[in-house]
Amino acid sequence: YRGAEYVVDFLPKIKIEIVTATDDVERVIDAIVKSAKTGKIGDG
């Protein structure tokens, strides 16, 4: 930044919270994994 190097210790992320019935947990997890996955470090 303006010729000076600095360390970014904390990276921006998004936290999503969902309350769901116990029976729906696997469907919700699968939907999140399939849509959020990039295959690179830091996917979450």
PDB file of all heavy atoms in Angstrom:
ATOM      1  N   TYR A   1       0.854  -1.173   0.000  1.00  0.00           N
ATOM      2  CA  TYR A   1       0.000   0.000   0.000  1.00  0.00           C
ATOM      3  C   TYR A   1       0.896   1.231   0.000  1.00  0.00           C
ATOM      4  O   TYR A   1       1.667   1.443   0.930  1.00  0.00           O
ATOM      5  CB  TYR A   1      -0.928   0.012   1.214  1.00  0.00           C
ATOM      6  CG  TYR A   1      -1.838   1.217   1.270  1.00  0.00           C
ATOM      7  CD1 TYR A   1      -2.897   1.343   0.384  1.00  0.00           C
ATOM      8  CD2 TYR A   1      -1.604   2.239   2.179  1.00  0.00           C
ATOM      9  CE1 TYR A   1      -3.732   2.444   0.415  1.00  0.00           C
ATOM     10  CE2 TYR A   1      -2.436   3.356   2.223  1.00  0.00           C
ATOM     11  CZ  TYR A   1      -3.491   3.454   1.345  1.00  0.00           C
ATOM     12  OH  TYR A   1      -4.310   4.557   1.367  1.00  0.00           O
ATOM     13  N   ARG A   2       0.823   2.001  -1.072  1.00  0.00           N
ATOM     14  CA  ARG A   2       1.651   3.204  -1.236  1.00  0.00           C
ATOM     15  C   ARG A   2       3.128   2.914  -1.000  1.00  0.00           C
ATOM     16  O   ARG A   2       3.830   3.636  -0.295  1.00  0.00           O
ATOM     17  CB  ARG A   2       1.169   4.314  -0.316  1.00  0.00           C
ATOM     18  CG  ARG A   2      -0.212   4.798  -0.686  1.00  0.00           C
ATOM     19  CD  ARG A   2      -0.590   6.010   0.105  1.00  0.00           C
ATOM     20  NE  ARG A   2      -1.901   6.481  -0.336  1.00  0.00           N
ATOM     21  CZ  ARG A   2      -2.515   7.513   0.176  1.00  0.00           C
ATOM     22  NH1 ARG A   2      -1.958   8.201   1.148  1.00  0.00           N
ATOM     23  NH2 ARG A   2      -3.680   7.881  -0.268  1.00  0.00           N
ATOM     24  N   GLY A   3       3.565   1.799  -1.573  1.00  0.00           N
ATOM     25  CA  GLY A   3       4.981   1.456  -1.503  1.00  0.00           C
ATOM     26  C   GLY A   3       5.414   0.756  -0.229  1.00  0.00           C
ATOM     27  O   GLY A   3       6.556   0.335  -0.115  1.00  0.00           O
ATOM     28  N   ALA A   4       4.530   0.641   0.748  1.00  0.00           N
ATOM     29  CA  ALA A   4       4.890  -0.022   1.999  1.00  0.00           C
ATOM     30  C   ALA A   4       4.230  -1.401   2.057  1.00  0.00           C
ATOM     31  O   ALA A   4       3.057  -1.547   1.729  1.00  0.00           O
ATOM     32  CB  ALA A   4       4.447   0.821   3.188  1.00  0.00           C
ATOM     33  N   GLU A   5       4.993  -2.370   2.475  1.00  0.00           N
ATOM     34  CA  GLU A   5       4.461  -3.726   2.602  1.00  0.00           C
ATOM     35  C   GLU A   5       3.884  -3.906   4.005  1.00  0.00           C
ATOM     36  O   GLU A   5       4.474  -3.467   4.995  1.00  0.00           O
ATOM     37  CB  GLU A   5       5.576  -4.741   2.371  1.00  0.00           C
ATOM     38  CG  GLU A   5       5.094  -6.166   2.281  1.00  0.00           C
ATOM     39  CD  GLU A   5       6.209  -7.126   1.894  1.00  0.00           C
ATOM     40  OE1 GLU A   5       6.669  -7.070   0.752  1.00  0.00           O
ATOM     41  OE2 GLU A   5       6.597  -7.908   2.773  1.00  0.00           O
ATOM     42  N   TYR A   6       2.725  -4.508   4.087  1.00  0.00           N
ATOM     43  CA  TYR A   6       2.133  -4.785   5.400  1.00  0.00           C
ATOM     44  C   TYR A   6       1.463  -6.150   5.381  1.00  0.00           C
ATOM     45  O   TYR A   6       1.128  -6.684   4.339  1.00  0.00           O
ATOM     46  CB  TYR A   6       1.154  -3.684   5.815  1.00  0.00           C
ATOM     47  CG  TYR A   6      -0.092  -3.585   4.972  1.00  0.00           C
ATOM     48  CD1 TYR A   6      -1.288  -4.163   5.391  1.00  0.00           C
ATOM     49  CD2 TYR A   6      -0.085  -2.910   3.752  1.00  0.00           C
ATOM     50  CE1 TYR A   6      -2.428  -4.075   4.618  1.00  0.00           C
ATOM     51  CE2 TYR A   6      -1.218  -2.823   2.971  1.00  0.00           C
ATOM     52  CZ  TYR A   6      -2.384  -3.403   3.408  1.00  0.00           C
ATOM     53  OH  TYR A   6      -3.514  -3.326   2.639  1.00  0.00           O
ATOM     54  N   VAL A   7       1.286  -6.701   6.572  1.00  0.00           N
ATOM     55  CA  VAL A   7       0.733  -8.048   6.714  1.00  0.00           C
ATOM     56  C   VAL A   7      -0.756  -7.957   7.005  1.00  0.00           C
ATOM     57  O   VAL A   7      -1.189  -7.197   7.864  1.00  0.00           O
ATOM     58  CB  VAL A   7       1.444  -8.800   7.861  1.00  0.00           C
ATOM     59  CG1 VAL A   7       0.815 -10.181   8.070  1.00  0.00           C
ATOM     60  CG2 VAL A   7       2.931  -8.930   7.566  1.00  0.00           C
ATOM     61  N   VAL A   8      -1.536  -8.753   6.268  1.00  0.00           N
ATOM     62  CA  VAL A   8      -2.965  -8.880   6.525  1.00  0.00           C
ATOM     63  C   VAL A   8      -3.135 -10.196   7.289  1.00  0.00           C
ATOM     64  O   VAL A   8      -3.072 -11.274   6.699  1.00  0.00           O
ATOM     65  CB  VAL A   8      -3.780  -8.894   5.213  1.00  0.00           C
ATOM     66  CG1 VAL A   8      -5.260  -9.077   5.504  1.00  0.00           C
ATOM     67  CG2 VAL A   8      -3.534  -7.623   4.420  1.00  0.00           C
ATOM     68  N   ASP A   9      -3.276 -10.092   8.615  1.00  0.00           N
ATOM     69  CA  ASP A   9      -3.372 -11.295   9.450  1.00  0.00           C
ATOM     70  C   ASP A   9      -4.741 -11.966   9.351  1.00  0.00           C
ATOM     71  O   ASP A   9      -4.854 -13.179   9.402  1.00  0.00           O
ATOM     72  CB  ASP A   9      -3.110 -10.952  10.914  1.00  0.00           C
ATOM     73  CG  ASP A   9      -1.656 -10.585  11.148  1.00  0.00           C
ATOM     74  OD1 ASP A   9      -0.786 -11.103  10.431  1.00  0.00           O
ATOM     75  OD2 ASP A   9      -1.394  -9.777  12.051  1.00  0.00           O
ATOM     76  N   PHE A  10      -5.788 -11.155   9.266  1.00  0.00           N
ATOM     77  CA  PHE A  10      -7.144 -11.684   9.251  1.00  0.00           C
ATOM     78  C   PHE A  10      -7.765 -11.441   7.886  1.00  0.00           C
ATOM     79  O   PHE A  10      -7.792 -10.324   7.404  1.00  0.00           O
ATOM     80  CB  PHE A  10      -7.989 -11.028  10.344  1.00  0.00           C
ATOM     81  CG  PHE A  10      -7.487 -11.323  11.724  1.00  0.00           C
ATOM     82  CD1 PHE A  10      -6.724 -10.401  12.414  1.00  0.00           C
ATOM     83  CD2 PHE A  10      -7.765 -12.542  12.322  1.00  0.00           C
ATOM     84  CE1 PHE A  10      -6.249 -10.683  13.677  1.00  0.00           C
ATOM     85  CE2 PHE A  10      -7.299 -12.833  13.586  1.00  0.00           C
ATOM     86  CZ  PHE A  10      -6.536 -11.898  14.266  1.00  0.00           C
ATOM     87  N   LEU A  11      -8.292 -12.509   7.304  1.00  0.00           N
ATOM     88  CA  LEU A  11      -8.877 -12.428   5.976  1.00  0.00           C
ATOM     89  C   LEU A  11     -10.389 -12.263   6.086  1.00  0.00           C
ATOM     90  O   LEU A  11     -11.014 -12.833   6.985  1.00  0.00           O
ATOM     91  CB  LEU A  11      -8.550 -13.691   5.189  1.00  0.00           C
ATOM     92  CG  LEU A  11      -7.050 -13.946   5.016  1.00  0.00           C
ATOM     93  CD1 LEU A  11      -6.818 -15.311   4.408  1.00  0.00           C
ATOM     94  CD2 LEU A  11      -6.425 -12.865   4.148  1.00  0.00           C
ATOM     95  N   PRO A  12     -11.001 -11.508   5.168  1.00  0.00           N
ATOM     96  CA  PRO A  12     -12.454 -11.345   5.212  1.00  0.00           C
ATOM     97  C   PRO A  12     -13.160 -12.652   4.863  1.00  0.00           C
ATOM     98  O   PRO A  12     -12.783 -13.339   3.915  1.00  0.00           O
ATOM     99  CB  PRO A  12     -12.730 -10.269   4.170  1.00  0.00           C
ATOM    100  CG  PRO A  12     -11.551 -10.274   3.269  1.00  0.00           C
ATOM    101  CD  PRO A  12     -10.390 -10.765   4.073  1.00  0.00           C
ATOM    102  N   LYS A  13     -14.161 -12.981   5.641  1.00  0.00           N
ATOM    103  CA  LYS A  13     -14.967 -14.179   5.430  1.00  0.00           C
ATOM    104  C   LYS A  13     -16.430 -13.823   5.684  1.00  0.00           C
ATOM    105  O   LYS A  13     -16.744 -12.764   6.194  1.00  0.00           O
ATOM    106  CB  LYS A  13     -14.560 -15.309   6.392  1.00  0.00           C
ATOM    107  CG  LYS A  13     -13.123 -15.773   6.272  1.00  0.00           C
ATOM    108  CD  LYS A  13     -12.900 -16.546   5.005  1.00  0.00           C
ATOM    109  CE  LYS A  13     -11.454 -17.031   4.930  1.00  0.00           C
ATOM    110  NZ  LYS A  13     -11.216 -17.805   3.735  1.00  0.00           N
ATOM    111  N   ILE A  14     -17.324 -14.743   5.342  1.00  0.00           N
ATOM    112  CA  ILE A  14     -18.753 -14.599   5.603  1.00  0.00           C
ATOM    113  C   ILE A  14     -19.174 -15.743   6.510  1.00  0.00           C
ATOM    114  O   ILE A  14     -18.831 -16.903   6.258  1.00  0.00           O
ATOM    115  CB  ILE A  14     -19.569 -14.645   4.295  1.00  0.00           C
ATOM    116  CG1 ILE A  14     -19.237 -13.466   3.390  1.00  0.00           C
ATOM    117  CG2 ILE A  14     -21.064 -14.712   4.582  1.00  0.00           C
ATOM    118  CD1 ILE A  14     -19.685 -12.125   3.903  1.00  0.00           C
ATOM    119  N   LYS A  15     -19.912 -15.415   7.562  1.00  0.00           N
ATOM    120  CA  LYS A  15     -20.458 -16.439   8.450  1.00  0.00           C
ATOM    121  C   LYS A  15     -21.954 -16.532   8.206  1.00  0.00           C
ATOM    122  O   LYS A  15     -22.664 -15.535   8.275  1.00  0.00           O
ATOM    123  CB  LYS A  15     -20.183 -16.102   9.919  1.00  0.00           C
ATOM    124  CG  LYS A  15     -20.764 -17.150  10.869  1.00  0.00           C
ATOM    125  CD  LYS A  15     -20.229 -17.006  12.278  1.00  0.00           C
ATOM    126  CE  LYS A  15     -20.912 -15.923  13.035  1.00  0.00           C
ATOM    127  NZ  LYS A  15     -20.582 -15.940  14.475  1.00  0.00           N
ATOM    128  N   ILE A  16     -22.420 -17.742   7.893  1.00  0.00           N
ATOM    129  CA  ILE A  16     -23.840 -17.998   7.660  1.00  0.00           C
ATOM    130  C   ILE A  16     -24.331 -18.896   8.788  1.00  0.00           C
ATOM    131  O   ILE A  16     -23.694 -19.914   9.092  1.00  0.00           O
ATOM    132  CB  ILE A  16     -24.059 -18.701   6.309  1.00  0.00           C
ATOM    133  CG1 ILE A  16     -23.529 -17.833   5.169  1.00  0.00           C
ATOM    134  CG2 ILE A  16     -25.537 -19.030   6.109  1.00  0.00           C
ATOM    135  CD1 ILE A  16     -23.511 -18.530   3.835  1.00  0.00           C
ATOM    136  N   GLU A  17     -25.462 -18.524   9.392  1.00  0.00           N
ATOM    137  CA  GLU A  17     -26.051 -19.331  10.453  1.00  0.00           C
ATOM    138  C   GLU A  17     -27.473 -19.724  10.051  1.00  0.00           C
ATOM    139  O   GLU A  17     -28.256 -18.874   9.636  1.00  0.00           O
ATOM    140  CB  GLU A  17     -26.070 -18.558  11.764  1.00  0.00           C
ATOM    141  CG  GLU A  17     -24.674 -18.237  12.270  1.00  0.00           C
ATOM    142  CD  GLU A  17     -24.676 -17.302  13.452  1.00  0.00           C
ATOM    143  OE1 GLU A  17     -25.190 -16.178  13.317  1.00  0.00           O
ATOM    144  OE2 GLU A  17     -24.181 -17.724  14.512  1.00  0.00           O
ATOM    145  N   ILE A  18     -27.771 -21.015  10.185  1.00  0.00           N
ATOM    146  CA  ILE A  18     -29.078 -21.550   9.808  1.00  0.00           C
ATOM    147  C   ILE A  18     -29.538 -22.491  10.908  1.00  0.00           C
ATOM    148  O   ILE A  18     -28.786 -23.380  11.317  1.00  0.00           O
ATOM    149  CB  ILE A  18     -28.990 -22.352   8.495  1.00  0.00           C
ATOM    150  CG1 ILE A  18     -28.415 -21.497   7.376  1.00  0.00           C
ATOM    151  CG2 ILE A  18     -30.348 -22.925   8.116  1.00  0.00           C
ATOM    152  CD1 ILE A  18     -27.819 -22.294   6.253  1.00  0.00           C
ATOM    153  N   VAL A  19     -30.758 -22.313  11.392  1.00  0.00           N
ATOM    154  CA  VAL A  19     -31.358 -23.277  12.313  1.00  0.00           C
ATOM    155  C   VAL A  19     -32.324 -24.119  11.491  1.00  0.00           C
ATOM    156  O   VAL A  19     -33.168 -23.580  10.778  1.00  0.00           O
ATOM    157  CB  VAL A  19     -32.085 -22.575  13.477  1.00  0.00           C
ATOM    158  CG1 VAL A  19     -32.788 -23.599  14.351  1.00  0.00           C
ATOM    159  CG2 VAL A  19     -31.108 -21.754  14.300  1.00  0.00           C
ATOM    160  N   THR A  20     -32.161 -25.431  11.582  1.00  0.00           N
ATOM    161  CA  THR A  20     -32.975 -26.328  10.770  1.00  0.00           C
ATOM    162  C   THR A  20     -33.352 -27.572  11.552  1.00  0.00           C
ATOM    163  O   THR A  20     -32.744 -27.877  12.581  1.00  0.00           O
ATOM    164  CB  THR A  20     -32.220 -26.704   9.469  1.00  0.00           C
ATOM    165  OG1 THR A  20     -33.089 -27.396   8.596  1.00  0.00           O
ATOM    166  CG2 THR A  20     -31.000 -27.544   9.750  1.00  0.00           C
ATOM    167  N   ALA A  21     -34.328 -28.295  11.056  1.00  0.00           N
ATOM    168  CA  ALA A  21     -34.722 -29.569  11.656  1.00  0.00           C
ATOM    169  C   ALA A  21     -33.567 -30.553  11.524  1.00  0.00           C
ATOM    170  O   ALA A  21     -32.817 -30.529  10.539  1.00  0.00           O
ATOM    171  CB  ALA A  21     -35.965 -30.108  10.967  1.00  0.00           C
ATOM    172  N   THR A  22     -33.430 -31.429  12.484  1.00  0.00           N
ATOM    173  CA  THR A  22     -32.348 -32.415  12.484  1.00  0.00           C
ATOM    174  C   THR A  22     -32.355 -33.252  11.212  1.00  0.00           C
ATOM    175  O   THR A  22     -31.300 -33.587  10.675  1.00  0.00           O
ATOM    176  CB  THR A  22     -32.457 -33.318  13.729  1.00  0.00           C
ATOM    177  OG1 THR A  22     -32.432 -32.471  14.895  1.00  0.00           O
ATOM    178  CG2 THR A  22     -31.319 -34.296  13.817  1.00  0.00           C
ATOM    179  N   ASP A  23     -33.526 -33.569  10.692  1.00  0.00           N
ATOM    180  CA  ASP A  23     -33.635 -34.386   9.475  1.00  0.00           C
ATOM    181  C   ASP A  23     -33.085 -33.692   8.229  1.00  0.00           C
ATOM    182  O   ASP A  23     -32.733 -34.356   7.255  1.00  0.00           O
ATOM    183  CB  ASP A  23     -35.099 -34.762   9.211  1.00  0.00           C
ATOM    184  CG  ASP A  23     -35.677 -35.634  10.319  1.00  0.00           C
ATOM    185  OD1 ASP A  23     -34.889 -36.221  11.086  1.00  0.00           O
ATOM    186  OD2 ASP A  23     -36.911 -35.715  10.409  1.00  0.00           O
ATOM    187  N   ASP A  24     -33.020 -32.363   8.240  1.00  0.00           N
ATOM    188  CA  ASP A  24     -32.586 -31.598   7.061  1.00  0.00           C
ATOM    189  C   ASP A  24     -31.109 -31.229   7.080  1.00  0.00           C
ATOM    190  O   ASP A  24     -30.613 -30.617   6.128  1.00  0.00           O
ATOM    191  CB  ASP A  24     -33.413 -30.315   6.942  1.00  0.00           C
ATOM    192  CG  ASP A  24     -34.873 -30.595   6.664  1.00  0.00           C
ATOM    193  OD1 ASP A  24     -35.167 -31.655   6.078  1.00  0.00           O
ATOM    194  OD2 ASP A  24     -35.716 -29.751   7.031  1.00  0.00           O
ATOM    195  N   VAL A  25     -30.389 -31.604   8.123  1.00  0.00           N
ATOM    196  CA  VAL A  25     -28.999 -31.166   8.284  1.00  0.00           C
ATOM    197  C   VAL A  25     -28.128 -31.588   7.110  1.00  0.00           C
ATOM    198  O   VAL A  25     -27.384 -30.766   6.550  1.00  0.00           O
ATOM    199  CB  VAL A  25     -28.408 -31.681   9.615  1.00  0.00           C
ATOM    200  CG1 VAL A  25     -26.912 -31.463   9.683  1.00  0.00           C
ATOM    201  CG2 VAL A  25     -29.075 -30.984  10.789  1.00  0.00           C
ATOM    202  N   GLU A  26     -28.193 -32.832   6.704  1.00  0.00           N
ATOM    203  CA  GLU A  26     -27.327 -33.316   5.615  1.00  0.00           C
ATOM    204  C   GLU A  26     -27.612 -32.602   4.299  1.00  0.00           C
ATOM    205  O   GLU A  26     -26.682 -32.294   3.549  1.00  0.00           O
ATOM    206  CB  GLU A  26     -27.455 -34.830   5.459  1.00  0.00           C
ATOM    207  CG  GLU A  26     -26.848 -35.612   6.612  1.00  0.00           C
ATOM    208  CD  GLU A  26     -25.397 -35.266   6.898  1.00  0.00           C
ATOM    209  OE1 GLU A  26     -24.609 -35.111   5.931  1.00  0.00           O
ATOM    210  OE2 GLU A  26     -25.042 -35.133   8.081  1.00  0.00           O
ATOM    211  N   ARG A  27     -28.886 -32.330   3.992  1.00  0.00           N
ATOM    212  CA  ARG A  27     -29.224 -31.612   2.755  1.00  0.00           C
ATOM    213  C   ARG A  27     -28.651 -30.203   2.782  1.00  0.00           C
ATOM    214  O   ARG A  27     -28.142 -29.718   1.770  1.00  0.00           O
ATOM    215  CB  ARG A  27     -30.740 -31.543   2.569  1.00  0.00           C
ATOM    216  CG  ARG A  27     -31.365 -32.854   2.193  1.00  0.00           C
ATOM    217  CD  ARG A  27     -32.863 -32.792   1.917  1.00  0.00           C
ATOM    218  NE  ARG A  27     -33.592 -31.750   2.621  1.00  0.00           N
ATOM    219  CZ  ARG A  27     -34.264 -30.765   2.017  1.00  0.00           C
ATOM    220  NH1 ARG A  27     -34.296 -30.672   0.715  1.00  0.00           N
ATOM    221  NH2 ARG A  27     -34.918 -29.881   2.734  1.00  0.00           N
ATOM    222  N   VAL A  28     -28.737 -29.537   3.927  1.00  0.00           N
ATOM    223  CA  VAL A  28     -28.208 -28.176   4.047  1.00  0.00           C
ATOM    224  C   VAL A  28     -26.687 -28.187   3.909  1.00  0.00           C
ATOM    225  O   VAL A  28     -26.114 -27.370   3.173  1.00  0.00           O
ATOM    226  CB  VAL A  28     -28.641 -27.533   5.391  1.00  0.00           C
ATOM    227  CG1 VAL A  28     -27.942 -26.200   5.608  1.00  0.00           C
ATOM    228  CG2 VAL A  28     -30.149 -27.360   5.432  1.00  0.00           C
ATOM    229  N   ILE A  29     -26.030 -29.114   4.574  1.00  0.00           N
ATOM    230  CA  ILE A  29     -24.571 -29.211   4.479  1.00  0.00           C
ATOM    231  C   ILE A  29     -24.147 -29.476   3.038  1.00  0.00           C
ATOM    232  O   ILE A  29     -23.226 -28.841   2.520  1.00  0.00           O
ATOM    233  CB  ILE A  29     -24.034 -30.300   5.424  1.00  0.00           C
ATOM    234  CG1 ILE A  29     -24.180 -29.854   6.875  1.00  0.00           C
ATOM    235  CG2 ILE A  29     -22.575 -30.627   5.111  1.00  0.00           C
ATOM    236  CD1 ILE A  29     -23.867 -30.935   7.886  1.00  0.00           C
ATOM    237  N   ASP A  30     -24.811 -30.413   2.372  1.00  0.00           N
ATOM    238  CA  ASP A  30     -24.465 -30.727   0.977  1.00  0.00           C
ATOM    239  C   ASP A  30     -24.618 -29.505   0.076  1.00  0.00           C
ATOM    240  O   ASP A  30     -23.772 -29.243  -0.784  1.00  0.00           O
ATOM    241  CB  ASP A  30     -25.335 -31.862   0.446  1.00  0.00           C
ATOM    242  CG  ASP A  30     -24.970 -33.213   1.039  1.00  0.00           C
ATOM    243  OD1 ASP A  30     -23.862 -33.337   1.611  1.00  0.00           O
ATOM    244  OD2 ASP A  30     -25.800 -34.137   0.940  1.00  0.00           O
ATOM    245  N   ALA A  31     -25.695 -28.744   0.269  1.00  0.00           N
ATOM    246  CA  ALA A  31     -25.918 -27.548  -0.552  1.00  0.00           C
ATOM    247  C   ALA A  31     -24.816 -26.517  -0.320  1.00  0.00           C
ATOM    248  O   ALA A  31     -24.319 -25.900  -1.268  1.00  0.00           O
ATOM    249  CB  ALA A  31     -27.282 -26.941  -0.233  1.00  0.00           C
ATOM    250  N   ILE A  32     -24.400 -26.341   0.927  1.00  0.00           N
ATOM    251  CA  ILE A  32     -23.341 -25.368   1.236  1.00  0.00           C
ATOM    252  C   ILE A  32     -22.018 -25.817   0.628  1.00  0.00           C
ATOM    253  O   ILE A  32     -21.321 -25.038  -0.035  1.00  0.00           O
ATOM    254  CB  ILE A  32     -23.202 -25.157   2.753  1.00  0.00           C
ATOM    255  CG1 ILE A  32     -24.463 -24.494   3.326  1.00  0.00           C
ATOM    256  CG2 ILE A  32     -21.974 -24.300   3.065  1.00  0.00           C
ATOM    257  CD1 ILE A  32     -24.530 -24.475   4.838  1.00  0.00           C
ATOM    258  N   VAL A  33     -21.671 -27.084   0.836  1.00  0.00           N
ATOM    259  CA  VAL A  33     -20.391 -27.592   0.327  1.00  0.00           C
ATOM    260  C   VAL A  33     -20.323 -27.481  -1.197  1.00  0.00           C
ATOM    261  O   VAL A  33     -19.332 -26.995  -1.754  1.00  0.00           O
ATOM    262  CB  VAL A  33     -20.155 -29.049   0.780  1.00  0.00           C
ATOM    263  CG1 VAL A  33     -18.975 -29.671   0.041  1.00  0.00           C
ATOM    264  CG2 VAL A  33     -19.930 -29.102   2.280  1.00  0.00           C
ATOM    265  N   LYS A  34     -21.359 -27.916  -1.881  1.00  0.00           N
ATOM    266  CA  LYS A  34     -21.353 -27.886  -3.348  1.00  0.00           C
ATOM    267  C   LYS A  34     -21.268 -26.467  -3.899  1.00  0.00           C
ATOM    268  O   LYS A  34     -20.619 -26.220  -4.913  1.00  0.00           O
ATOM    269  CB  LYS A  34     -22.589 -28.586  -3.895  1.00  0.00           C
ATOM    270  CG  LYS A  34     -22.526 -30.087  -3.750  1.00  0.00           C
ATOM    271  CD  LYS A  34     -23.796 -30.743  -4.228  1.00  0.00           C
ATOM    272  CE  LYS A  34     -23.729 -32.247  -4.000  1.00  0.00           C
ATOM    273  NZ  LYS A  34     -24.999 -32.917  -4.257  1.00  0.00           N
ATOM    274  N   SER A  35     -21.911 -25.518  -3.244  1.00  0.00           N
ATOM    275  CA  SER A  35     -21.934 -24.155  -3.778  1.00  0.00           C
ATOM    276  C   SER A  35     -20.766 -23.294  -3.303  1.00  0.00           C
ATOM    277  O   SER A  35     -20.424 -22.307  -3.952  1.00  0.00           O
ATOM    278  CB  SER A  35     -23.261 -23.479  -3.426  1.00  0.00           C
ATOM    279  OG  SER A  35     -23.464 -23.472  -2.038  1.00  0.00           O
ATOM    280  N   ALA A  36     -20.113 -23.647  -2.194  1.00  0.00           N
ATOM    281  CA  ALA A  36     -19.028 -22.820  -1.659  1.00  0.00           C
ATOM    282  C   ALA A  36     -17.643 -23.334  -2.040  1.00  0.00           C
ATOM    283  O   ALA A  36     -16.661 -22.605  -1.901  1.00  0.00           O
ATOM    284  CB  ALA A  36     -19.137 -22.734  -0.134  1.00  0.00           C
ATOM    285  N   LYS A  37     -17.561 -24.544  -2.528  1.00  0.00           N
ATOM    286  CA  LYS A  37     -16.261 -25.159  -2.790  1.00  0.00           C
ATOM    287  C   LYS A  37     -15.585 -24.588  -4.025  1.00  0.00           C
ATOM    288  O   LYS A  37     -16.189 -24.497  -5.089  1.00  0.00           O
ATOM    289  CB  LYS A  37     -16.437 -26.666  -2.962  1.00  0.00           C
ATOM    290  CG  LYS A  37     -15.155 -27.417  -3.135  1.00  0.00           C
ATOM    291  CD  LYS A  37     -15.423 -28.907  -3.197  1.00  0.00           C
ATOM    292  CE  LYS A  37     -14.110 -29.650  -3.300  1.00  0.00           C
ATOM    293  NZ  LYS A  37     -14.333 -31.102  -3.261  1.00  0.00           N
ATOM    294  N   THR A  38     -14.317 -24.177  -3.860  1.00  0.00           N
ATOM    295  CA  THR A  38     -13.485 -23.772  -4.991  1.00  0.00           C
ATOM    296  C   THR A  38     -12.349 -24.765  -5.200  1.00  0.00           C
ATOM    297  O   THR A  38     -11.706 -24.760  -6.234  1.00  0.00           O
ATOM    298  CB  THR A  38     -12.868 -22.372  -4.777  1.00  0.00           C
ATOM    299  OG1 THR A  38     -11.934 -22.439  -3.687  1.00  0.00           O
ATOM    300  CG2 THR A  38     -13.920 -21.327  -4.510  1.00  0.00           C
ATOM    301  N   GLY A  39     -12.072 -25.580  -4.181  1.00  0.00           N
ATOM    302  CA  GLY A  39     -10.966 -26.519  -4.256  1.00  0.00           C
ATOM    303  C   GLY A  39      -9.641 -25.927  -3.825  1.00  0.00           C
ATOM    304  O   GLY A  39      -8.606 -26.584  -3.882  1.00  0.00           O
ATOM    305  N   LYS A  40      -9.672 -24.689  -3.371  1.00  0.00           N
ATOM    306  CA  LYS A  40      -8.451 -24.012  -2.938  1.00  0.00           C
ATOM    307  C   LYS A  40      -8.477 -23.799  -1.431  1.00  0.00           C
ATOM    308  O   LYS A  40      -9.541 -23.796  -0.803  1.00  0.00           O
ATOM    309  CB  LYS A  40      -8.310 -22.676  -3.654  1.00  0.00           C
ATOM    310  CG  LYS A  40      -8.169 -22.840  -5.150  1.00  0.00           C
ATOM    311  CD  LYS A  40      -7.870 -21.537  -5.821  1.00  0.00           C
ATOM    312  CE  LYS A  40      -7.573 -21.823  -7.271  1.00  0.00           C
ATOM    313  NZ  LYS A  40      -8.374 -21.102  -8.180  1.00  0.00           N
ATOM    314  N   ILE A  41      -7.322 -23.569  -0.863  1.00  0.00           N
ATOM    315  CA  ILE A  41      -7.225 -23.324   0.573  1.00  0.00           C
ATOM    316  C   ILE A  41      -8.075 -22.108   0.942  1.00  0.00           C
ATOM    317  O   ILE A  41      -8.174 -21.152   0.174  1.00  0.00           O
ATOM    318  CB  ILE A  41      -5.745 -23.149   0.998  1.00  0.00           C
ATOM    319  CG1 ILE A  41      -5.611 -23.242   2.508  1.00  0.00           C
ATOM    320  CG2 ILE A  41      -5.177 -21.857   0.459  1.00  0.00           C
ATOM    321  CD1 ILE A  41      -4.173 -23.421   2.970  1.00  0.00           C
ATOM    322  N   GLY A  42      -8.732 -22.175   2.088  1.00  0.00           N
ATOM    323  CA  GLY A  42      -9.552 -21.057   2.539  1.00  0.00           C
ATOM    324  C   GLY A  42     -11.016 -21.154   2.169  1.00  0.00           C
ATOM    325  O   GLY A  42     -11.763 -20.202   2.331  1.00  0.00           O
ATOM    326  N   ASP A  43     -11.453 -22.309   1.661  1.00  0.00           N
ATOM    327  CA  ASP A  43     -12.863 -22.479   1.296  1.00  0.00           C
ATOM    328  C   ASP A  43     -13.782 -22.360   2.512  1.00  0.00           C
ATOM    329  O   ASP A  43     -14.937 -21.986   2.372  1.00  0.00           O
ATOM    330  CB  ASP A  43     -13.105 -23.820   0.614  1.00  0.00           C
ATOM    331  CG  ASP A  43     -12.835 -23.776  -0.880  1.00  0.00           C
ATOM    332  OD1 ASP A  43     -12.607 -22.668  -1.408  1.00  0.00           O
ATOM    333  OD2 ASP A  43     -12.859 -24.843  -1.513  1.00  0.00           O
ATOM    334  N   GLY A  44     -13.285 -22.695   3.701  1.00  0.00           N
ATOM    335  CA  GLY A  44     -14.071 -22.489   4.902  1.00  0.00           C
ATOM    336  C   GLY A  44     -14.347 -23.753   5.686  1.00  0.00           C
ATOM    337  O   GLY A  44     -13.765 -24.808   5.443  1.00  0.00           O
TER     338      GLY A  44
END
